[in-house]
N, C-alpha and C. Protein backbone atom coordinates (compact mmCIF):
# COMPACT_ATOMS: atom_id res chain seq x y z
N GLU A 1 -0.99 -111.29 158.41
CA GLU A 1 0.42 -111.63 158.48
C GLU A 1 0.72 -112.42 159.75
N GLU A 2 1.69 -113.31 159.63
CA GLU A 2 2.09 -114.11 160.78
C GLU A 2 2.95 -113.30 161.74
N ILE A 3 2.72 -113.51 163.02
CA ILE A 3 3.49 -112.81 164.06
C ILE A 3 4.76 -113.59 164.34
N GLN A 4 5.88 -112.90 164.27
CA GLN A 4 7.18 -113.51 164.54
C GLN A 4 7.49 -113.44 166.04
N ARG A 5 7.12 -112.27 166.64
CA ARG A 5 7.44 -112.06 168.05
C ARG A 5 6.42 -111.08 168.63
N GLU A 6 6.04 -111.28 169.89
CA GLU A 6 5.13 -110.37 170.57
C GLU A 6 5.70 -110.07 171.95
N THR A 7 5.72 -108.75 172.30
CA THR A 7 6.26 -108.32 173.58
C THR A 7 5.24 -107.43 174.27
N ALA A 8 4.96 -107.74 175.56
CA ALA A 8 4.07 -106.91 176.37
C ALA A 8 4.95 -106.15 177.35
N TYR A 9 4.73 -104.83 177.43
CA TYR A 9 5.53 -103.98 178.31
C TYR A 9 4.74 -103.65 179.57
N PRO A 10 5.44 -103.30 180.66
CA PRO A 10 4.76 -103.00 181.93
C PRO A 10 3.77 -101.83 181.84
N ASP A 11 4.01 -100.88 180.91
CA ASP A 11 3.11 -99.73 180.78
C ASP A 11 1.84 -100.06 180.01
N GLY A 12 1.69 -101.33 179.61
CA GLY A 12 0.49 -101.75 178.90
C GLY A 12 0.65 -101.78 177.39
N LYS A 13 1.78 -101.29 176.91
CA LYS A 13 2.04 -101.28 175.46
C LYS A 13 2.35 -102.71 175.01
N VAL A 14 1.88 -103.07 173.82
CA VAL A 14 2.16 -104.39 173.24
C VAL A 14 2.77 -104.18 171.86
N GLU A 15 3.90 -104.84 171.61
CA GLU A 15 4.56 -104.74 170.30
C GLU A 15 4.54 -106.11 169.64
N LYS A 16 4.13 -106.10 168.37
CA LYS A 16 4.12 -107.33 167.58
C LYS A 16 5.03 -107.11 166.38
N VAL A 17 5.95 -108.03 166.17
CA VAL A 17 6.83 -107.98 165.00
C VAL A 17 6.34 -109.07 164.06
N LEU A 18 5.99 -108.66 162.84
CA LEU A 18 5.47 -109.61 161.86
C LEU A 18 6.61 -110.20 161.04
N LYS A 19 6.35 -111.34 160.44
CA LYS A 19 7.40 -112.02 159.65
C LYS A 19 7.85 -111.19 158.45
N ASN A 20 6.96 -110.30 157.95
CA ASN A 20 7.34 -109.46 156.80
C ASN A 20 8.19 -108.27 157.22
N GLY A 21 8.46 -108.14 158.53
CA GLY A 21 9.33 -107.06 159.01
C GLY A 21 8.58 -105.87 159.59
N CYS A 22 7.26 -105.83 159.46
CA CYS A 22 6.47 -104.74 160.03
C CYS A 22 6.42 -104.85 161.55
N HIS A 23 6.34 -103.70 162.20
CA HIS A 23 6.16 -103.64 163.65
C HIS A 23 4.81 -103.02 163.92
N LEU A 24 4.03 -103.64 164.80
CA LEU A 24 2.76 -103.08 165.25
C LEU A 24 2.88 -102.82 166.74
N ILE A 25 2.56 -101.59 167.16
CA ILE A 25 2.66 -101.24 168.57
C ILE A 25 1.28 -100.75 169.00
N PHE A 26 0.73 -101.41 170.01
CA PHE A 26 -0.60 -101.08 170.51
C PHE A 26 -0.45 -100.43 171.88
N PHE A 27 -1.08 -99.25 172.05
CA PHE A 27 -1.00 -98.51 173.30
C PHE A 27 -2.28 -98.72 174.10
N PRO A 28 -2.21 -98.61 175.41
CA PRO A 28 -3.38 -98.86 176.26
C PRO A 28 -4.58 -97.95 175.96
N ASN A 29 -4.35 -96.74 175.44
CA ASN A 29 -5.47 -95.81 175.19
C ASN A 29 -6.19 -96.09 173.88
N GLY A 30 -5.75 -97.11 173.14
CA GLY A 30 -6.41 -97.46 171.88
C GLY A 30 -5.66 -96.99 170.65
N THR A 31 -4.64 -96.17 170.83
CA THR A 31 -3.79 -95.74 169.71
C THR A 31 -2.89 -96.90 169.31
N TRP A 32 -2.64 -97.01 168.00
CA TRP A 32 -1.68 -98.02 167.56
C TRP A 32 -0.83 -97.48 166.43
N LYS A 33 0.37 -98.06 166.32
CA LYS A 33 1.38 -97.57 165.39
C LYS A 33 1.88 -98.74 164.55
N LYS A 34 1.99 -98.49 163.25
CA LYS A 34 2.54 -99.50 162.34
C LYS A 34 3.78 -98.93 161.69
N VAL A 35 4.90 -99.62 161.84
CA VAL A 35 6.13 -99.23 161.19
C VAL A 35 6.36 -100.25 160.08
N GLY A 36 6.41 -99.76 158.84
CA GLY A 36 6.57 -100.64 157.69
C GLY A 36 7.89 -101.38 157.71
N SER A 37 7.97 -102.44 156.91
CA SER A 37 9.18 -103.26 156.87
C SER A 37 10.39 -102.45 156.40
N ASP A 38 10.14 -101.32 155.70
CA ASP A 38 11.25 -100.46 155.26
C ASP A 38 11.78 -99.60 156.41
N GLY A 39 11.05 -99.57 157.53
CA GLY A 39 11.46 -98.78 158.68
C GLY A 39 11.22 -97.29 158.51
N LYS A 40 10.72 -96.89 157.34
CA LYS A 40 10.53 -95.47 157.04
C LYS A 40 9.06 -95.07 156.93
N THR A 41 8.20 -96.02 156.63
CA THR A 41 6.79 -95.73 156.49
C THR A 41 6.13 -96.01 157.84
N VAL A 42 5.54 -94.95 158.43
CA VAL A 42 4.94 -95.09 159.76
C VAL A 42 3.49 -94.60 159.68
N THR A 43 2.58 -95.40 160.22
CA THR A 43 1.18 -95.01 160.32
C THR A 43 0.77 -95.10 161.79
N ILE A 44 0.22 -94.00 162.29
CA ILE A 44 -0.28 -93.98 163.66
C ILE A 44 -1.79 -93.74 163.58
N THR A 45 -2.55 -94.67 164.15
CA THR A 45 -4.00 -94.51 164.22
C THR A 45 -4.33 -94.19 165.66
N PHE A 46 -4.82 -92.97 165.88
CA PHE A 46 -5.09 -92.49 167.23
C PHE A 46 -6.45 -92.99 167.72
N PHE A 47 -6.62 -93.01 169.02
CA PHE A 47 -7.86 -93.49 169.65
C PHE A 47 -9.08 -92.69 169.20
N ASN A 48 -8.90 -91.43 168.77
CA ASN A 48 -10.03 -90.60 168.35
C ASN A 48 -10.35 -90.75 166.86
N GLY A 49 -9.63 -91.62 166.16
CA GLY A 49 -9.87 -91.85 164.74
C GLY A 49 -8.93 -91.10 163.82
N ASP A 50 -8.16 -90.15 164.36
CA ASP A 50 -7.17 -89.44 163.54
C ASP A 50 -6.11 -90.44 163.07
N VAL A 51 -5.56 -90.19 161.88
CA VAL A 51 -4.52 -91.05 161.33
C VAL A 51 -3.38 -90.18 160.82
N LYS A 52 -2.17 -90.52 161.25
CA LYS A 52 -0.97 -89.81 160.80
C LYS A 52 -0.08 -90.81 160.06
N GLN A 53 0.29 -90.45 158.82
CA GLN A 53 1.19 -91.29 158.05
C GLN A 53 2.45 -90.49 157.74
N VAL A 54 3.59 -91.12 157.94
CA VAL A 54 4.86 -90.52 157.55
C VAL A 54 5.42 -91.43 156.46
N MET A 55 5.66 -90.84 155.28
CA MET A 55 6.11 -91.62 154.13
C MET A 55 7.65 -91.62 154.08
N PRO A 56 8.23 -92.53 153.29
CA PRO A 56 9.70 -92.60 153.20
C PRO A 56 10.35 -91.27 152.80
N ASP A 57 9.66 -90.45 151.99
CA ASP A 57 10.23 -89.16 151.56
C ASP A 57 9.97 -88.05 152.58
N GLN A 58 9.49 -88.41 153.76
CA GLN A 58 9.18 -87.50 154.88
C GLN A 58 7.89 -86.69 154.67
N THR A 59 7.11 -87.03 153.65
CA THR A 59 5.78 -86.44 153.51
C THR A 59 4.94 -86.91 154.69
N VAL A 60 4.21 -85.97 155.31
CA VAL A 60 3.34 -86.32 156.43
C VAL A 60 1.90 -86.07 156.01
N ILE A 61 1.08 -87.11 156.14
CA ILE A 61 -0.34 -87.01 155.81
C ILE A 61 -1.10 -87.21 157.12
N TYR A 62 -1.86 -86.19 157.52
CA TYR A 62 -2.62 -86.27 158.77
C TYR A 62 -4.09 -86.14 158.45
N TYR A 63 -4.87 -87.13 158.85
CA TYR A 63 -6.32 -87.11 158.65
C TYR A 63 -6.99 -86.83 159.99
N TYR A 64 -7.75 -85.72 160.03
CA TYR A 64 -8.53 -85.36 161.22
C TYR A 64 -9.92 -85.98 161.07
N ALA A 65 -10.20 -86.99 161.89
CA ALA A 65 -11.44 -87.75 161.73
C ALA A 65 -12.68 -86.91 161.98
N ASP A 66 -12.70 -86.14 163.08
CA ASP A 66 -13.89 -85.35 163.40
C ASP A 66 -14.22 -84.34 162.30
N ALA A 67 -13.21 -83.67 161.79
CA ALA A 67 -13.41 -82.64 160.77
C ALA A 67 -13.43 -83.23 159.36
N LYS A 68 -13.08 -84.51 159.22
CA LYS A 68 -12.98 -85.15 157.90
C LYS A 68 -12.08 -84.33 156.97
N THR A 69 -10.93 -83.93 157.51
CA THR A 69 -9.98 -83.07 156.80
C THR A 69 -8.63 -83.76 156.73
N THR A 70 -7.99 -83.68 155.57
CA THR A 70 -6.66 -84.24 155.39
C THR A 70 -5.66 -83.11 155.21
N HIS A 71 -4.57 -83.15 155.97
CA HIS A 71 -3.51 -82.14 155.92
C HIS A 71 -2.23 -82.86 155.51
N THR A 72 -1.74 -82.55 154.31
CA THR A 72 -0.52 -83.17 153.81
C THR A 72 0.59 -82.14 153.80
N THR A 73 1.73 -82.49 154.41
CA THR A 73 2.90 -81.62 154.44
C THR A 73 4.03 -82.32 153.72
N TYR A 74 4.52 -81.69 152.65
CA TYR A 74 5.61 -82.27 151.87
C TYR A 74 6.96 -81.79 152.39
N SER A 75 8.00 -82.53 152.06
CA SER A 75 9.33 -82.21 152.58
C SER A 75 9.83 -80.85 152.08
N ASP A 76 9.29 -80.36 150.95
CA ASP A 76 9.71 -79.04 150.44
C ASP A 76 8.95 -77.89 151.12
N GLY A 77 8.04 -78.23 152.05
CA GLY A 77 7.31 -77.20 152.79
C GLY A 77 5.90 -76.94 152.29
N LEU A 78 5.53 -77.46 151.12
CA LEU A 78 4.17 -77.30 150.61
C LEU A 78 3.20 -78.03 151.53
N GLU A 79 2.09 -77.36 151.87
CA GLU A 79 1.04 -77.98 152.68
C GLU A 79 -0.26 -77.93 151.90
N ILE A 80 -0.98 -79.05 151.89
CA ILE A 80 -2.28 -79.12 151.21
C ILE A 80 -3.31 -79.61 152.21
N LEU A 81 -4.39 -78.82 152.33
CA LEU A 81 -5.50 -79.20 153.19
C LEU A 81 -6.70 -79.52 152.31
N GLN A 82 -7.31 -80.68 152.55
CA GLN A 82 -8.48 -81.10 151.80
C GLN A 82 -9.62 -81.26 152.79
N PHE A 83 -10.68 -80.45 152.61
CA PHE A 83 -11.81 -80.44 153.52
C PHE A 83 -12.93 -81.33 153.00
N SER A 84 -13.81 -81.75 153.88
CA SER A 84 -14.89 -82.67 153.50
C SER A 84 -15.87 -82.05 152.50
N ASN A 85 -15.96 -80.72 152.47
CA ASN A 85 -16.89 -80.07 151.53
C ASN A 85 -16.30 -79.92 150.13
N GLY A 86 -15.06 -80.40 149.94
CA GLY A 86 -14.42 -80.32 148.63
C GLY A 86 -13.44 -79.16 148.50
N GLN A 87 -13.39 -78.27 149.49
CA GLN A 87 -12.44 -77.16 149.44
C GLN A 87 -11.02 -77.70 149.60
N ILE A 88 -10.10 -77.15 148.80
CA ILE A 88 -8.69 -77.54 148.87
C ILE A 88 -7.86 -76.27 149.03
N GLU A 89 -6.96 -76.29 150.02
CA GLU A 89 -6.06 -75.15 150.23
C GLU A 89 -4.63 -75.63 150.05
N LYS A 90 -3.87 -74.83 149.28
CA LYS A 90 -2.44 -75.10 149.14
C LYS A 90 -1.69 -73.93 149.78
N HIS A 91 -0.83 -74.24 150.73
CA HIS A 91 -0.02 -73.24 151.41
C HIS A 91 1.42 -73.48 150.96
N TYR A 92 1.95 -72.53 150.20
CA TYR A 92 3.29 -72.68 149.64
C TYR A 92 4.35 -72.18 150.63
N PRO A 93 5.57 -72.72 150.53
CA PRO A 93 6.64 -72.31 151.46
C PRO A 93 6.92 -70.81 151.44
N ASP A 94 6.69 -70.14 150.30
CA ASP A 94 6.96 -68.70 150.21
C ASP A 94 5.84 -67.85 150.82
N GLY A 95 4.78 -68.49 151.34
CA GLY A 95 3.69 -67.77 151.99
C GLY A 95 2.45 -67.61 151.12
N LYS A 96 2.56 -67.87 149.82
CA LYS A 96 1.38 -67.78 148.94
C LYS A 96 0.39 -68.88 149.31
N LYS A 97 -0.91 -68.55 149.17
CA LYS A 97 -1.96 -69.54 149.41
C LYS A 97 -2.88 -69.60 148.21
N GLU A 98 -3.30 -70.80 147.87
CA GLU A 98 -4.27 -71.00 146.78
C GLU A 98 -5.41 -71.82 147.35
N ILE A 99 -6.63 -71.27 147.24
CA ILE A 99 -7.81 -71.96 147.76
C ILE A 99 -8.72 -72.28 146.59
N THR A 100 -9.09 -73.56 146.46
CA THR A 100 -10.07 -73.97 145.46
C THR A 100 -11.35 -74.32 146.22
N PHE A 101 -12.41 -73.55 145.95
CA PHE A 101 -13.67 -73.75 146.64
C PHE A 101 -14.48 -74.85 145.96
N PRO A 102 -15.48 -75.39 146.65
CA PRO A 102 -16.29 -76.47 146.07
C PRO A 102 -16.90 -76.11 144.71
N ASP A 103 -17.22 -74.83 144.46
CA ASP A 103 -17.79 -74.43 143.16
C ASP A 103 -16.71 -74.23 142.10
N GLN A 104 -15.45 -74.57 142.44
CA GLN A 104 -14.28 -74.47 141.57
C GLN A 104 -13.75 -73.05 141.39
N THR A 105 -14.26 -72.09 142.19
CA THR A 105 -13.64 -70.77 142.25
C THR A 105 -12.25 -70.94 142.86
N ILE A 106 -11.26 -70.27 142.29
CA ILE A 106 -9.90 -70.35 142.81
C ILE A 106 -9.51 -68.97 143.33
N LYS A 107 -9.02 -68.93 144.56
CA LYS A 107 -8.56 -67.67 145.15
C LYS A 107 -7.09 -67.81 145.48
N ASN A 108 -6.28 -66.88 144.98
CA ASN A 108 -4.85 -66.82 145.29
C ASN A 108 -4.60 -65.66 146.22
N LEU A 109 -3.92 -65.93 147.32
CA LEU A 109 -3.53 -64.90 148.28
C LEU A 109 -2.02 -64.78 148.22
N PHE A 110 -1.52 -63.62 147.79
CA PHE A 110 -0.09 -63.42 147.60
C PHE A 110 0.52 -62.80 148.85
N THR A 111 1.82 -63.01 149.02
CA THR A 111 2.51 -62.54 150.23
C THR A 111 2.55 -61.02 150.32
N ASP A 112 2.42 -60.32 149.19
CA ASP A 112 2.45 -58.85 149.21
C ASP A 112 1.08 -58.24 149.51
N GLY A 113 0.07 -59.10 149.82
CA GLY A 113 -1.25 -58.61 150.17
C GLY A 113 -2.24 -58.58 149.01
N GLN A 114 -1.77 -58.84 147.79
CA GLN A 114 -2.68 -58.87 146.66
C GLN A 114 -3.48 -60.17 146.67
N GLU A 115 -4.67 -60.12 146.06
CA GLU A 115 -5.52 -61.30 145.94
C GLU A 115 -6.01 -61.41 144.51
N GLU A 116 -6.25 -62.65 144.10
CA GLU A 116 -6.81 -62.90 142.77
C GLU A 116 -7.83 -64.02 142.90
N SER A 117 -9.04 -63.78 142.38
CA SER A 117 -10.08 -64.81 142.37
C SER A 117 -10.45 -65.10 140.93
N ILE A 118 -10.48 -66.39 140.60
CA ILE A 118 -10.85 -66.83 139.25
C ILE A 118 -12.13 -67.65 139.40
N PHE A 119 -13.20 -67.14 138.81
CA PHE A 119 -14.51 -67.78 138.95
C PHE A 119 -14.74 -68.77 137.82
N PRO A 120 -15.63 -69.76 138.05
CA PRO A 120 -15.88 -70.79 137.03
C PRO A 120 -16.31 -70.23 135.67
N ASP A 121 -16.96 -69.05 135.66
CA ASP A 121 -17.39 -68.48 134.37
C ASP A 121 -16.27 -67.74 133.65
N GLY A 122 -15.08 -67.73 134.24
CA GLY A 122 -13.94 -67.07 133.60
C GLY A 122 -13.66 -65.66 134.11
N THR A 123 -14.56 -65.12 134.93
CA THR A 123 -14.34 -63.79 135.50
C THR A 123 -13.15 -63.83 136.45
N ILE A 124 -12.29 -62.81 136.37
CA ILE A 124 -11.12 -62.72 137.24
C ILE A 124 -11.18 -61.41 138.00
N VAL A 125 -11.05 -61.48 139.33
CA VAL A 125 -11.04 -60.29 140.18
C VAL A 125 -9.67 -60.22 140.85
N ARG A 126 -8.98 -59.10 140.65
CA ARG A 126 -7.68 -58.87 141.29
C ARG A 126 -7.82 -57.71 142.25
N THR A 127 -7.44 -57.92 143.50
CA THR A 127 -7.52 -56.89 144.53
C THR A 127 -6.12 -56.52 144.96
N GLN A 128 -5.83 -55.21 144.93
CA GLN A 128 -4.51 -54.71 145.33
C GLN A 128 -4.51 -54.45 146.83
N ARG A 129 -3.34 -54.23 147.36
CA ARG A 129 -3.20 -53.96 148.80
C ARG A 129 -3.99 -52.73 149.23
N ASP A 130 -4.10 -51.73 148.35
CA ASP A 130 -4.82 -50.49 148.69
C ASP A 130 -6.34 -50.65 148.59
N GLY A 131 -6.79 -51.86 148.23
CA GLY A 131 -8.23 -52.12 148.14
C GLY A 131 -8.81 -51.93 146.76
N SER A 132 -8.03 -51.36 145.83
CA SER A 132 -8.56 -51.20 144.47
C SER A 132 -8.68 -52.57 143.81
N LYS A 133 -9.68 -52.68 142.91
CA LYS A 133 -9.97 -53.96 142.27
C LYS A 133 -10.01 -53.80 140.76
N THR A 134 -9.56 -54.83 140.08
CA THR A 134 -9.74 -54.94 138.64
C THR A 134 -10.55 -56.21 138.40
N ILE A 135 -11.63 -56.07 137.64
CA ILE A 135 -12.48 -57.21 137.32
C ILE A 135 -12.45 -57.40 135.81
N GLU A 136 -12.07 -58.60 135.38
CA GLU A 136 -12.07 -58.92 133.96
C GLU A 136 -13.18 -59.93 133.71
N PHE A 137 -14.18 -59.52 132.91
CA PHE A 137 -15.32 -60.38 132.63
C PHE A 137 -15.04 -61.23 131.39
N ASN A 138 -15.73 -62.36 131.30
CA ASN A 138 -15.50 -63.25 130.16
C ASN A 138 -16.06 -62.70 128.85
N ASN A 139 -16.82 -61.59 128.91
CA ASN A 139 -17.34 -60.97 127.68
C ASN A 139 -16.41 -59.88 127.15
N GLY A 140 -15.23 -59.74 127.77
CA GLY A 140 -14.26 -58.76 127.31
C GLY A 140 -14.31 -57.43 128.05
N GLN A 141 -15.33 -57.23 128.88
CA GLN A 141 -15.42 -55.98 129.64
C GLN A 141 -14.47 -56.04 130.84
N ARG A 142 -14.01 -54.86 131.27
CA ARG A 142 -13.16 -54.72 132.45
C ARG A 142 -13.73 -53.66 133.34
N GLU A 143 -13.57 -53.85 134.65
CA GLU A 143 -13.96 -52.82 135.61
C GLU A 143 -12.79 -52.55 136.52
N LEU A 144 -12.67 -51.26 136.88
CA LEU A 144 -11.66 -50.85 137.85
C LEU A 144 -12.41 -50.15 138.97
N HIS A 145 -12.21 -50.63 140.21
CA HIS A 145 -12.83 -50.02 141.38
C HIS A 145 -11.73 -49.41 142.23
N THR A 146 -11.81 -48.11 142.51
CA THR A 146 -10.87 -47.45 143.41
C THR A 146 -11.69 -46.71 144.46
N SER A 147 -11.03 -46.05 145.37
CA SER A 147 -11.76 -45.28 146.38
C SER A 147 -12.40 -44.03 145.78
N GLN A 148 -11.94 -43.60 144.59
CA GLN A 148 -12.49 -42.39 143.96
C GLN A 148 -13.56 -42.67 142.90
N PHE A 149 -13.49 -43.82 142.24
CA PHE A 149 -14.42 -44.09 141.14
C PHE A 149 -14.52 -45.58 140.83
N LYS A 150 -15.55 -45.89 140.01
CA LYS A 150 -15.68 -47.21 139.39
C LYS A 150 -15.73 -46.95 137.89
N ARG A 151 -14.90 -47.69 137.15
CA ARG A 151 -14.82 -47.48 135.70
C ARG A 151 -15.03 -48.81 135.00
N ARG A 152 -15.90 -48.79 133.97
CA ARG A 152 -16.10 -49.99 133.15
C ARG A 152 -15.62 -49.69 131.75
N GLU A 153 -14.79 -50.59 131.23
CA GLU A 153 -14.26 -50.48 129.86
C GLU A 153 -14.91 -51.57 129.02
N TYR A 154 -15.49 -51.18 127.90
CA TYR A 154 -16.18 -52.12 127.02
C TYR A 154 -15.27 -52.50 125.86
N PRO A 155 -15.49 -53.68 125.27
CA PRO A 155 -14.65 -54.13 124.16
C PRO A 155 -14.61 -53.17 122.97
N ASP A 156 -15.68 -52.39 122.79
CA ASP A 156 -15.71 -51.44 121.65
C ASP A 156 -14.92 -50.17 121.94
N GLY A 157 -14.35 -50.06 123.16
CA GLY A 157 -13.56 -48.88 123.51
C GLY A 157 -14.29 -47.86 124.35
N THR A 158 -15.60 -48.03 124.53
CA THR A 158 -16.38 -47.13 125.37
C THR A 158 -15.92 -47.29 126.83
N VAL A 159 -15.83 -46.14 127.52
CA VAL A 159 -15.42 -46.16 128.93
C VAL A 159 -16.43 -45.36 129.74
N LYS A 160 -17.03 -46.02 130.76
CA LYS A 160 -17.99 -45.34 131.62
C LYS A 160 -17.41 -45.29 133.02
N THR A 161 -17.37 -44.06 133.60
CA THR A 161 -16.83 -43.87 134.93
C THR A 161 -17.90 -43.28 135.83
N VAL A 162 -18.07 -43.87 137.01
CA VAL A 162 -18.99 -43.35 138.02
C VAL A 162 -18.12 -42.94 139.21
N TYR A 163 -18.18 -41.65 139.54
CA TYR A 163 -17.38 -41.12 140.64
C TYR A 163 -18.13 -41.27 141.96
N MET A 164 -17.40 -41.18 143.05
CA MET A 164 -18.00 -41.37 144.38
C MET A 164 -19.08 -40.33 144.68
N ASN A 165 -19.02 -39.15 144.06
CA ASN A 165 -20.05 -38.14 144.28
C ASN A 165 -21.31 -38.42 143.45
N GLY A 166 -21.28 -39.52 142.67
CA GLY A 166 -22.44 -39.90 141.87
C GLY A 166 -22.39 -39.43 140.43
N GLN A 167 -21.46 -38.54 140.11
CA GLN A 167 -21.34 -38.05 138.73
C GLN A 167 -20.88 -39.20 137.83
N GLN A 168 -21.45 -39.22 136.59
CA GLN A 168 -21.10 -40.26 135.62
C GLN A 168 -20.52 -39.62 134.38
N GLU A 169 -19.50 -40.27 133.83
CA GLU A 169 -18.87 -39.79 132.60
C GLU A 169 -18.73 -40.97 131.65
N THR A 170 -19.23 -40.79 130.43
CA THR A 170 -19.10 -41.84 129.43
C THR A 170 -18.33 -41.28 128.25
N LYS A 171 -17.24 -41.97 127.90
CA LYS A 171 -16.42 -41.59 126.74
C LYS A 171 -16.62 -42.67 125.68
N TYR A 172 -17.08 -42.23 124.50
CA TYR A 172 -17.34 -43.15 123.41
C TYR A 172 -16.15 -43.17 122.45
N VAL A 173 -16.06 -44.24 121.67
CA VAL A 173 -14.97 -44.39 120.70
C VAL A 173 -14.96 -43.24 119.70
N SER A 174 -16.12 -42.72 119.39
CA SER A 174 -16.25 -41.63 118.41
C SER A 174 -15.61 -40.33 118.91
N GLY A 175 -15.33 -40.26 120.23
CA GLY A 175 -14.80 -39.03 120.81
C GLY A 175 -15.85 -38.29 121.63
N ARG A 176 -17.10 -38.70 121.48
CA ARG A 176 -18.19 -38.09 122.24
C ARG A 176 -17.98 -38.33 123.74
N VAL A 177 -18.28 -37.30 124.53
CA VAL A 177 -18.21 -37.41 125.99
C VAL A 177 -19.54 -36.92 126.55
N ARG A 178 -20.12 -37.75 127.44
CA ARG A 178 -21.38 -37.36 128.07
C ARG A 178 -21.17 -37.44 129.58
N VAL A 179 -21.58 -36.35 130.28
CA VAL A 179 -21.44 -36.29 131.73
C VAL A 179 -22.82 -36.07 132.33
N LYS A 180 -23.13 -36.89 133.37
CA LYS A 180 -24.39 -36.75 134.09
C LYS A 180 -24.10 -36.45 135.55
N ASP A 181 -24.97 -35.67 136.18
CA ASP A 181 -24.81 -35.41 137.61
C ASP A 181 -25.33 -36.61 138.40
N LYS A 182 -25.25 -36.54 139.73
CA LYS A 182 -25.62 -37.67 140.59
C LYS A 182 -27.08 -38.08 140.42
N ASP A 183 -27.92 -37.19 139.93
CA ASP A 183 -29.34 -37.50 139.74
C ASP A 183 -29.65 -38.01 138.34
N GLY A 184 -28.62 -38.13 137.50
CA GLY A 184 -28.82 -38.62 136.14
C GLY A 184 -29.11 -37.55 135.11
N ASN A 185 -29.03 -36.27 135.50
CA ASN A 185 -29.26 -35.18 134.56
C ASN A 185 -27.99 -34.95 133.74
N ILE A 186 -28.17 -34.82 132.42
CA ILE A 186 -27.01 -34.58 131.55
C ILE A 186 -26.54 -33.15 131.77
N ILE A 187 -25.26 -33.00 132.14
CA ILE A 187 -24.71 -31.67 132.34
C ILE A 187 -23.71 -31.32 131.25
N MET A 188 -23.33 -32.32 130.45
CA MET A 188 -22.46 -32.05 129.29
C MET A 188 -22.60 -33.20 128.31
N ASP A 189 -22.67 -32.86 127.02
CA ASP A 189 -22.71 -33.90 125.98
C ASP A 189 -22.09 -33.31 124.73
N THR A 190 -20.98 -33.88 124.31
CA THR A 190 -20.30 -33.37 123.11
C THR A 190 -20.65 -34.27 121.93
N LYS A 191 -21.90 -34.22 121.50
CA LYS A 191 -22.31 -35.04 120.35
C LYS A 191 -21.53 -34.56 119.13
N LEU A 192 -20.95 -35.51 118.45
CA LEU A 192 -20.16 -35.16 117.26
C LEU A 192 -20.94 -35.46 115.99
């Protein structure tokens, strides 16, 4: 673009006004700033390679050169961080966070302390504030982990519970109940 006007300031700053209305400001430390002809689009390229863009809608896009990370802040408060390894984090104004890992696992962190992870194979793990977990497998099985037991529910209705003392209880759809002690010895079996 053709330069319409150029001004050098005593502090070493140089401002160039282009015919298209853009302003370029060069600072002595190597940082430079471009103000678009609309007066609302601003790009600052820092001496260390970082780049900050402010868009007309007040969206701010900041690129951290050393970390190869982009941090975008929208006017509604949503923040999105994109890391060089492919991880993407969304920080919502209400405090919720959603992290997409490079393997496409998605983790949601809720403001009430609950967490949810969705794995590429369809498995979903939900963790409550008290530490208990529910795992939903893509084969229809479910597991519940608490401080007292781990329970697996099968699609056919069978439920197997392993208690913290090692005792196991299996309830079958037929009504049969089998209980084993911590060493695997059957201590009760109601074969029907």
